[in-house]
């Protein structure tokens, strides 16, 4: 349901809140000797029973059986009502809120078990069970009915034992507390599911990307092999025949040696042309990749200015540009509180430069450089580049980076 660390934090926080409610009773016991032994024993029994039932129901080793969870919730509700009846302290009704925070996982598991056959004990924890795609959509109906029932019981017990004056405000208040906790848990479950689905989609995307890369490499090898066969195969066959004739015929030797020389020159020329054509179509389309990267960025309007048909033949440099622009987008969204981001890329004869600026809150002069900017500097150093950052608090941020293009590398724009 929740991440393990958060689940444990909520569990121990709830137990601490329940434990603090014992302080008024212990204080009265130490100061004036009240309550009586009988009442104190009733309170202590209900207090311990509630804590044990809560501990068992929130333990991952004891939450795979919905019927067991329902039984433990019933024990908690009844022990809480006994505490209200005993009336030693004014916060007995807190049990309703602590029970409410456990309802959603229990009823989600109960509904899921209607659709999925029983599993061997220890095979699947509740958190994994709830995140699986076979589990139906979480329903609040059972949880809300439980909240209503225990609120009504709370009002009845309080009214019968201590009078009906003030029962209505008590019931309304604790019903509101329970619904707040219940819907907070519901949002946590939905967020956890969305995170799990997003992670699954990302894993599928990575797997698909790996398959596409492998397929692309195989297709490229097949294309190269076909081109080489078409270009080289015919001329090598003719060259071999001419050399064979020249080796067995004295009268035709000179003629076929000249033909072989001509064929070898023609073969070399066509191989060069084929390689030039392959290199002419090479290069990574940076315009397409960057346009896809900045498209539909939430809560940020990005304006991208770059040359048409911008291509880099060196994959490492193209990847550095993409990663640096991605880091700029991430930092702007997380820290700048900006509504606009302007990106401009220019290519000179031997230099590629990227300029970025936003209209955000800027960076304080004493702010430390984060891992993202350090990573950008390290990437740029690999290709002889550098990064410059200019920012003033409340005046936006301006960033510039660039790197040289090696001799023979082609950037087209």
Protein backbone atom coordinates (compact mmCIF):
# COMPACT_ATOMS: atom_id res chain seq x y z
CA UNK A 1 0.00 0.00 0.00
CA UNK A 2 2.53 2.56 1.16
CA UNK A 3 6.28 2.46 1.03
CA UNK A 4 7.67 0.37 3.85
CA UNK A 5 9.34 3.30 5.63
CA UNK A 6 6.16 5.41 5.54
CA UNK A 7 4.02 2.49 6.70
CA UNK A 8 6.25 1.92 9.72
CA UNK A 9 6.27 5.64 10.51
CA UNK A 10 2.45 5.78 10.49
CA UNK A 11 2.26 2.62 12.55
CA UNK A 12 4.55 3.82 15.31
CA UNK A 13 3.03 7.32 15.27
CA UNK A 14 -0.43 5.83 15.82
CA UNK A 15 0.86 3.62 18.64
CA UNK A 16 2.53 6.64 20.24
CA UNK A 17 -0.73 8.61 20.07
CA UNK A 18 -2.58 5.71 21.68
CA UNK A 19 0.10 5.45 24.37
CA UNK A 20 -0.08 9.16 25.19
CA UNK A 21 -3.77 8.81 26.01
CA UNK A 22 -2.73 6.74 29.04
CA UNK A 23 -0.89 9.66 30.61
CA UNK A 24 -3.99 11.30 32.19
CA UNK A 25 -4.96 8.00 33.86
CA UNK A 26 -1.47 7.41 35.20
CA UNK A 27 -1.30 11.01 36.38
CA UNK A 28 -4.56 10.69 38.33
CA UNK A 29 -3.40 7.37 39.75
CA UNK A 30 -0.17 8.91 41.03
CA UNK A 31 -1.69 12.15 42.37
CA UNK A 32 -4.93 11.24 44.14
CA UNK A 33 -5.02 7.46 44.00
CA UNK A 34 -8.02 7.31 41.70
CA UNK A 35 -9.45 5.40 39.93
CA UNK A 36 -10.52 2.39 41.90
CA UNK A 37 -8.77 -0.89 41.36
CA UNK A 38 -11.74 -2.33 39.46
CA UNK A 39 -12.04 0.56 37.03
CA UNK A 40 -8.31 0.73 36.55
CA UNK A 41 -8.20 -2.99 35.72
CA UNK A 42 -10.99 -2.60 33.16
CA UNK A 43 -9.17 0.36 31.57
CA UNK A 44 -5.79 -1.39 31.54
CA UNK A 45 -7.26 -4.54 29.97
CA UNK A 46 -9.00 -2.63 27.18
CA UNK A 47 -5.92 -0.47 26.64
CA UNK A 48 -3.59 -3.48 26.25
CA UNK A 49 -6.06 -5.45 24.11
CA UNK A 50 -6.45 -2.52 21.70
CA UNK A 51 -2.69 -2.05 21.40
CA UNK A 52 -2.08 -5.76 20.71
CA UNK A 53 -4.86 -5.93 18.13
CA UNK A 54 -3.54 -2.80 16.41
CA UNK A 55 0.01 -4.17 16.39
CA UNK A 56 -1.08 -7.47 14.87
CA UNK A 57 -3.33 -5.89 12.26
CA UNK A 58 -0.65 -3.47 11.05
CA UNK A 59 2.08 -6.09 10.91
CA UNK A 60 2.80 -7.29 7.36
CA UNK A 61 3.16 -10.87 8.62
CA UNK A 62 -0.42 -10.92 9.89
CA UNK A 63 -2.32 -9.04 7.18
CA UNK A 64 -2.73 -11.61 4.41
CA UNK A 65 -6.11 -12.85 5.70
CA UNK A 66 -9.01 -10.40 5.38
CA UNK A 67 -11.12 -12.29 7.91
CA UNK A 68 -8.35 -12.06 10.49
CA UNK A 69 -8.05 -8.34 9.83
CA UNK A 70 -11.80 -7.86 10.27
CA UNK A 71 -11.67 -9.78 13.54
CA UNK A 72 -8.81 -7.63 14.83
CA UNK A 73 -10.65 -4.45 13.82
CA UNK A 74 -13.74 -5.69 15.68
CA UNK A 75 -11.61 -6.32 18.78
CA UNK A 76 -10.19 -2.81 18.56
CA UNK A 77 -13.62 -1.23 18.20
CA UNK A 78 -15.05 -3.18 21.13
CA UNK A 79 -12.07 -2.50 23.41
CA UNK A 80 -12.31 1.19 22.49
CA UNK A 81 -16.01 1.22 23.41
CA UNK A 82 -15.16 -0.40 26.76
CA UNK A 83 -12.69 2.42 27.40
CA UNK A 84 -15.39 4.99 26.61
CA UNK A 85 -17.79 3.19 28.98
CA UNK A 86 -15.14 3.12 31.71
CA UNK A 87 -14.60 6.84 31.20
CA UNK A 88 -11.28 7.31 32.98
CA UNK A 89 -9.99 9.83 30.46
CA UNK A 90 -11.50 12.14 27.90
CA UNK A 91 -9.73 10.88 24.80
CA UNK A 92 -11.06 7.35 24.74
CA UNK A 93 -12.87 8.04 21.47
CA UNK A 94 -9.49 8.42 19.75
CA UNK A 95 -9.75 4.70 19.03
CA UNK A 96 -12.22 5.50 16.22
CA UNK A 97 -9.57 7.44 14.29
CA UNK A 98 -6.94 4.72 14.74
CA UNK A 99 -9.40 2.08 13.54
CA UNK A 100 -10.35 4.24 10.54
CA UNK A 101 -6.75 4.37 9.31
CA UNK A 102 -6.74 0.55 9.02
CA UNK A 103 -10.08 0.14 7.25
CA UNK A 104 -9.09 0.80 3.66
CA UNK A 105 -6.31 -1.82 3.44
CA UNK A 106 -8.55 -4.41 5.09
CA UNK A 107 -11.56 -3.88 2.86
CA UNK A 108 -9.40 -3.60 -0.27
CA UNK A 109 -7.89 -6.97 0.55
CA UNK A 110 -11.32 -8.40 1.34
CA UNK A 111 -12.67 -7.31 -2.05
CA UNK A 112 -9.59 -8.56 -3.88
CA UNK A 113 -9.88 -12.01 -2.37
CA UNK A 114 -13.30 -12.37 -4.02
CA UNK A 115 -11.59 -12.26 -7.41
CA UNK A 116 -8.31 -14.06 -6.76
CA UNK A 117 -8.04 -17.61 -5.36
CA UNK A 118 -6.32 -18.07 -1.98
CA UNK A 119 -2.54 -17.93 -2.06
CA UNK A 120 -0.08 -19.94 0.03
CA UNK A 121 0.90 -18.15 3.20
CA UNK A 122 3.99 -16.02 2.79
CA UNK A 123 3.73 -15.93 -1.02
CA UNK A 124 2.32 -12.44 -1.32
CA UNK A 125 2.13 -9.54 1.10
CA UNK A 126 -0.81 -7.20 1.21
CA UNK A 127 1.15 -4.34 -0.32
CA UNK A 128 2.14 -6.44 -3.34
CA UNK A 129 -1.39 -7.82 -3.52
CA UNK A 130 -2.98 -4.37 -3.65
CA UNK A 131 -0.55 -3.13 -6.30
CA UNK A 132 -1.13 -6.09 -8.63
CA UNK A 133 -3.19 -5.46 -11.75
CA UNK A 134 -5.68 -8.22 -10.87
CA UNK A 135 -6.97 -6.35 -7.82
CA UNK A 136 -10.26 -4.49 -8.47
CA UNK A 137 -10.61 -0.78 -7.93
CA UNK A 138 -10.54 0.23 -4.27
CA UNK A 139 -14.03 0.82 -2.88
CA UNK A 140 -14.75 3.03 0.11
CA UNK A 141 -18.18 1.57 0.78
CA UNK A 142 -17.20 -1.00 3.40
CA UNK A 143 -14.88 1.44 5.16
CA UNK A 144 -17.49 4.22 5.30
CA UNK A 145 -20.12 1.83 6.67
CA UNK A 146 -17.70 0.74 9.40
CA UNK A 147 -17.01 4.36 10.32
CA UNK A 148 -20.73 5.08 10.52
CA UNK A 149 -21.36 2.00 12.64
CA UNK A 150 -18.65 2.66 15.20
CA UNK A 151 -19.60 6.35 15.40
CA UNK A 152 -23.20 5.39 16.17
CA UNK A 153 -22.01 2.87 18.78
CA UNK A 154 -19.75 5.54 20.29
CA UNK A 155 -22.68 7.94 20.66
CA UNK A 156 -24.92 5.23 22.14
CA UNK A 157 -22.33 4.10 24.69
CA UNK A 158 -21.52 7.67 25.68
CA UNK A 159 -25.17 8.62 25.94
CA UNK A 160 -26.22 5.59 27.99
CA UNK A 161 -23.22 5.76 30.32
CA UNK A 162 -22.64 9.50 30.71
CA UNK A 163 -25.78 11.19 29.45
CA UNK A 164 -26.95 12.46 26.08
CA UNK A 165 -25.84 16.03 26.55
CA UNK A 166 -23.02 16.78 24.12
CA UNK A 167 -23.36 13.45 22.26
CA UNK A 168 -24.19 15.07 18.92
CA UNK A 169 -21.08 17.33 18.81
CA UNK A 170 -18.95 14.38 19.93
CA UNK A 171 -20.30 12.12 17.20
CA UNK A 172 -20.00 14.72 14.45
CA UNK A 173 -16.44 15.64 15.46
CA UNK A 174 -15.13 12.10 15.57
CA UNK A 175 -16.99 11.18 12.38
CA UNK A 176 -15.19 14.08 10.66
CA UNK A 177 -11.83 12.95 12.03
CA UNK A 178 -12.42 9.41 10.81
CA UNK A 179 -13.47 10.49 7.32
CA UNK A 180 -10.43 12.73 7.05
CA UNK A 181 -8.13 9.83 7.92
CA UNK A 182 -10.05 7.48 5.63
CA UNK A 183 -9.87 9.71 2.57
CA UNK A 184 -6.21 10.50 3.27
CA UNK A 185 -5.51 6.77 3.22
CA UNK A 186 -7.55 6.47 0.02
CA UNK A 187 -5.43 9.12 -1.67
CA UNK A 188 -2.28 7.37 -0.48
CA UNK A 189 -3.47 4.08 -2.00
CA UNK A 190 -4.33 5.74 -5.30
CA UNK A 191 -0.97 7.52 -5.40
CA UNK A 192 0.84 4.29 -4.64
CA UNK A 193 -1.02 2.50 -7.41
CA UNK A 194 -0.29 5.27 -9.88
CA UNK A 195 3.38 5.12 -8.92
CA UNK A 196 3.42 1.37 -9.41
CA UNK A 197 1.71 1.63 -12.80
CA UNK A 198 4.14 4.35 -13.87
CA UNK A 199 7.09 2.23 -12.81
CA UNK A 200 5.70 -0.75 -14.72
CA UNK A 201 5.18 1.42 -17.80
CA UNK A 202 8.74 2.74 -17.53
CA UNK A 203 10.09 -0.80 -17.30
CA UNK A 204 8.10 -1.80 -20.37
CA UNK A 205 9.35 1.28 -22.17
CA UNK A 206 12.97 0.43 -21.32
CA UNK A 207 12.49 -3.13 -22.52
CA UNK A 208 10.87 -1.93 -25.74
CA UNK A 209 13.66 0.59 -26.27
CA UNK A 210 16.26 -2.16 -25.86
CA UNK A 211 14.45 -4.31 -28.42
CA UNK A 212 14.20 -1.38 -30.82
CA UNK A 213 17.91 -0.67 -30.46
CA UNK A 214 18.75 -4.31 -31.18
CA UNK A 215 16.38 -4.34 -34.14
CA UNK A 216 17.90 -1.13 -35.46
CA UNK A 217 21.41 -2.57 -35.24
CA UNK A 218 20.35 -5.76 -37.02
CA UNK A 219 18.61 -3.79 -39.77
CA UNK A 220 21.68 -1.60 -40.21
CA UNK A 221 23.94 -4.63 -40.51
CA UNK A 222 21.58 -6.18 -43.05
CA UNK A 223 21.51 -2.99 -45.10
CA UNK A 224 25.30 -2.69 -45.08
CA UNK A 225 25.73 -6.33 -46.09
CA UNK A 226 23.30 -5.88 -49.00
CA UNK A 227 25.02 -2.69 -50.18
CA UNK A 228 28.44 -4.33 -50.01
CA UNK A 229 27.17 -7.36 -51.87
CA UNK A 230 25.59 -5.27 -54.61
CA UNK A 231 28.61 -2.97 -55.00
CA UNK A 232 31.53 -5.33 -54.42
CA UNK A 233 30.24 -8.73 -55.45
CA UNK A 234 29.90 -8.16 -59.21
CA UNK A 235 33.23 -6.36 -59.64
CA UNK A 236 35.15 -8.87 -57.55
CA UNK A 237 33.74 -11.70 -59.66
CA UNK A 238 34.79 -9.95 -62.88
CA UNK A 239 38.19 -9.14 -61.39
CA UNK A 240 38.72 -12.77 -60.40
CA UNK A 241 37.82 -13.99 -63.93
CA UNK A 242 40.20 -11.55 -65.60
CA UNK A 243 43.06 -12.54 -63.32
CA UNK A 244 42.34 -16.21 -63.90
CA UNK A 245 42.44 -15.75 -67.70
CA UNK A 246 45.65 -13.72 -67.44
CA UNK A 247 47.27 -16.50 -65.43
CA UNK A 248 46.59 -19.21 -68.05
CA UNK A 249 46.87 -17.34 -71.36
CA UNK A 250 50.14 -15.79 -72.51
CA UNK A 251 48.57 -13.99 -75.48
CA UNK A 252 45.73 -12.42 -73.45
CA UNK A 253 47.66 -11.79 -70.25
CA UNK A 254 48.43 -8.11 -70.79
CA UNK A 255 44.91 -7.28 -71.94
CA UNK A 256 43.23 -8.91 -68.95
CA UNK A 257 45.73 -7.43 -66.50
CA UNK A 258 44.72 -3.98 -67.79
CA UNK A 259 41.06 -4.94 -67.40
CA UNK A 260 41.74 -6.11 -63.85
CA UNK A 261 43.42 -2.81 -63.02
CA UNK A 262 40.47 -0.88 -64.42
CA UNK A 263 38.03 -3.02 -62.47
CA UNK A 264 39.97 -2.51 -59.22
CA UNK A 265 39.92 1.27 -59.73
CA UNK A 266 36.19 1.17 -60.47
CA UNK A 267 35.61 -1.03 -57.43
CA UNK A 268 37.54 1.34 -55.17
CA UNK A 269 35.63 4.33 -56.54
CA UNK A 270 32.24 2.70 -55.95
CA UNK A 271 33.19 1.61 -52.43
CA UNK A 272 34.15 5.21 -51.66
CA UNK A 273 30.85 6.47 -53.09
CA UNK A 274 28.89 3.94 -51.03
CA UNK A 275 30.72 4.90 -47.84
CA UNK A 276 30.13 8.59 -48.58
CA UNK A 277 26.42 7.95 -49.07
CA UNK A 278 26.25 6.05 -45.77
CA UNK A 279 28.05 8.84 -43.95
CA UNK A 280 25.89 11.44 -45.65
CA UNK A 281 22.78 9.86 -44.12
CA UNK A 282 24.39 9.46 -40.71
CA UNK A 283 24.04 11.71 -37.74
CA UNK A 284 21.54 11.96 -34.91
CA UNK A 285 18.54 14.21 -35.51
CA UNK A 286 18.85 16.59 -32.55
CA UNK A 287 15.95 18.78 -33.64
CA UNK A 288 13.52 15.89 -33.52
CA UNK A 289 14.86 14.60 -30.19
CA UNK A 290 14.87 18.01 -28.49
CA UNK A 291 11.42 18.90 -29.79
CA UNK A 292 10.05 15.68 -28.32
CA UNK A 293 11.84 16.39 -25.03
CA UNK A 294 10.31 19.84 -24.49
CA UNK A 295 6.84 19.01 -25.84
CA UNK A 296 3.93 19.21 -23.36
CA UNK A 297 6.04 20.01 -20.30
CA UNK A 298 3.56 20.54 -17.43
CA UNK A 299 3.27 24.02 -15.88
CA UNK A 300 6.07 25.40 -18.06
CA UNK A 301 6.03 27.04 -21.49
CA UNK A 302 9.22 26.14 -23.35
CA UNK A 303 10.36 28.02 -26.44
CA UNK A 304 12.96 26.15 -28.47
CA UNK A 305 15.05 27.85 -31.14
CA UNK A 306 17.51 25.78 -33.14
CA UNK A 307 18.66 25.29 -36.74
CA UNK A 308 16.66 23.14 -39.12
CA UNK A 309 17.88 19.57 -39.62
CA UNK A 310 20.39 19.85 -36.80
CA UNK A 311 22.43 16.64 -36.72
CA UNK A 312 25.49 15.48 -34.81
CA UNK A 313 27.49 12.59 -36.16
CA UNK A 314 29.14 11.81 -32.82
CA UNK A 315 26.64 9.97 -30.56
CA UNK A 316 28.38 10.96 -27.31
CA UNK A 317 28.06 14.68 -28.03
CA UNK A 318 24.44 14.33 -29.10
CA UNK A 319 23.67 12.48 -25.87
CA UNK A 320 25.42 15.19 -23.82
CA UNK A 321 23.25 17.87 -25.42
CA UNK A 322 20.09 15.89 -24.69
CA UNK A 323 21.07 15.12 -21.08
CA UNK A 324 22.05 18.72 -20.35
CA UNK A 325 18.82 20.11 -21.79
CA UNK A 326 16.90 17.50 -19.80
CA UNK A 327 18.68 18.61 -16.61
CA UNK A 328 17.83 22.25 -17.38
CA UNK A 329 14.15 21.32 -17.71
CA UNK A 330 14.23 19.33 -14.47
CA UNK A 331 15.89 22.11 -12.47
CA UNK A 332 13.49 24.71 -13.87
CA UNK A 333 10.46 22.63 -12.90
CA UNK A 334 11.73 21.70 -9.45
CA UNK A 335 13.45 24.82 -8.20
CA UNK A 336 12.93 27.89 -10.40
CA UNK A 337 9.15 28.31 -10.02
CA UNK A 338 9.24 29.69 -13.54
CA UNK A 339 6.44 29.90 -16.11
CA UNK A 340 8.66 30.30 -19.21
CA UNK A 341 11.91 28.77 -20.39
CA UNK A 342 13.79 29.85 -23.49
CA UNK A 343 16.30 27.52 -25.17
CA UNK A 344 18.48 28.55 -28.10
CA UNK A 345 21.03 26.36 -29.87
CA UNK A 346 23.50 27.70 -32.40
CA UNK A 347 26.14 25.92 -34.45
CA UNK A 348 29.19 27.68 -35.76
CA UNK A 349 31.85 26.08 -37.94
CA UNK A 350 33.67 24.44 -35.05
CA UNK A 351 31.49 25.07 -31.99
CA UNK A 352 28.04 24.10 -30.69
CA UNK A 353 26.50 26.36 -28.02
CA UNK A 354 23.30 26.21 -25.99
CA UNK A 355 21.75 29.22 -24.23
CA UNK A 356 18.97 28.85 -21.65
CA UNK A 357 17.12 31.35 -19.48
CA UNK A 358 13.95 31.36 -17.39
CA UNK A 359 11.74 33.86 -15.59
CA UNK A 360 11.89 32.09 -12.22
CA UNK A 361 13.04 33.07 -8.76
CA UNK A 362 16.74 32.64 -9.54
CA UNK A 363 19.44 31.22 -7.32
CA UNK A 364 20.73 32.82 -4.15
CA UNK A 365 24.44 33.77 -4.27
CA UNK A 366 25.30 31.48 -1.36
CA UNK A 367 23.39 28.46 -2.74
CA UNK A 368 25.44 25.32 -3.25
CA UNK A 369 25.72 23.74 -6.67
CA UNK A 370 23.64 20.57 -6.86
CA UNK A 371 24.39 17.17 -8.31
CA UNK A 372 22.63 18.03 -11.56
CA UNK A 373 24.89 20.97 -12.43
CA UNK A 374 27.98 19.04 -11.36
CA UNK A 375 26.91 16.21 -13.62
CA UNK A 376 26.52 18.64 -16.54
CA UNK A 377 30.02 20.02 -15.98
CA UNK A 378 31.48 16.52 -15.84
CA UNK A 379 29.75 15.50 -19.08
CA UNK A 380 30.92 18.63 -20.87
CA UNK A 381 34.51 18.15 -19.68
CA UNK A 382 34.54 14.77 -21.44
CA UNK A 383 34.26 16.57 -24.80
CA UNK A 384 36.26 19.68 -23.91
CA UNK A 385 33.22 21.82 -23.16
CA UNK A 386 32.37 24.25 -20.39
CA UNK A 387 29.32 25.59 -18.55
CA UNK A 388 28.55 29.10 -17.34
CA UNK A 389 25.77 29.99 -14.89
CA UNK A 390 24.47 33.48 -14.19
CA UNK A 391 21.64 33.89 -11.72
CA UNK A 392 20.32 36.49 -9.31
CA UNK A 393 17.64 35.95 -6.71
CA UNK A 394 14.16 36.88 -8.06
CA UNK A 395 15.59 37.70 -11.51
CA UNK A 396 15.67 34.31 -13.21
CA UNK A 397 18.56 32.12 -14.27
CA UNK A 398 20.74 32.20 -17.40
CA UNK A 399 22.86 29.24 -18.39
CA UNK A 400 25.24 28.70 -21.29
CA UNK A 401 27.23 25.67 -22.29
CA UNK A 402 29.10 24.60 -25.39
CA UNK A 403 31.80 22.31 -26.73
CA UNK A 404 34.08 22.24 -29.77
CA UNK A 405 33.40 20.06 -32.79
CA UNK A 406 36.24 17.86 -33.89
CA UNK A 407 37.79 18.19 -37.32
CA UNK A 408 35.85 16.17 -39.85
CA UNK A 409 32.73 15.99 -37.71
CA UNK A 410 29.76 17.38 -39.51
CA UNK A 411 27.01 19.45 -37.97
CA UNK A 412 24.30 20.34 -40.37
CA UNK A 413 21.71 23.01 -39.71
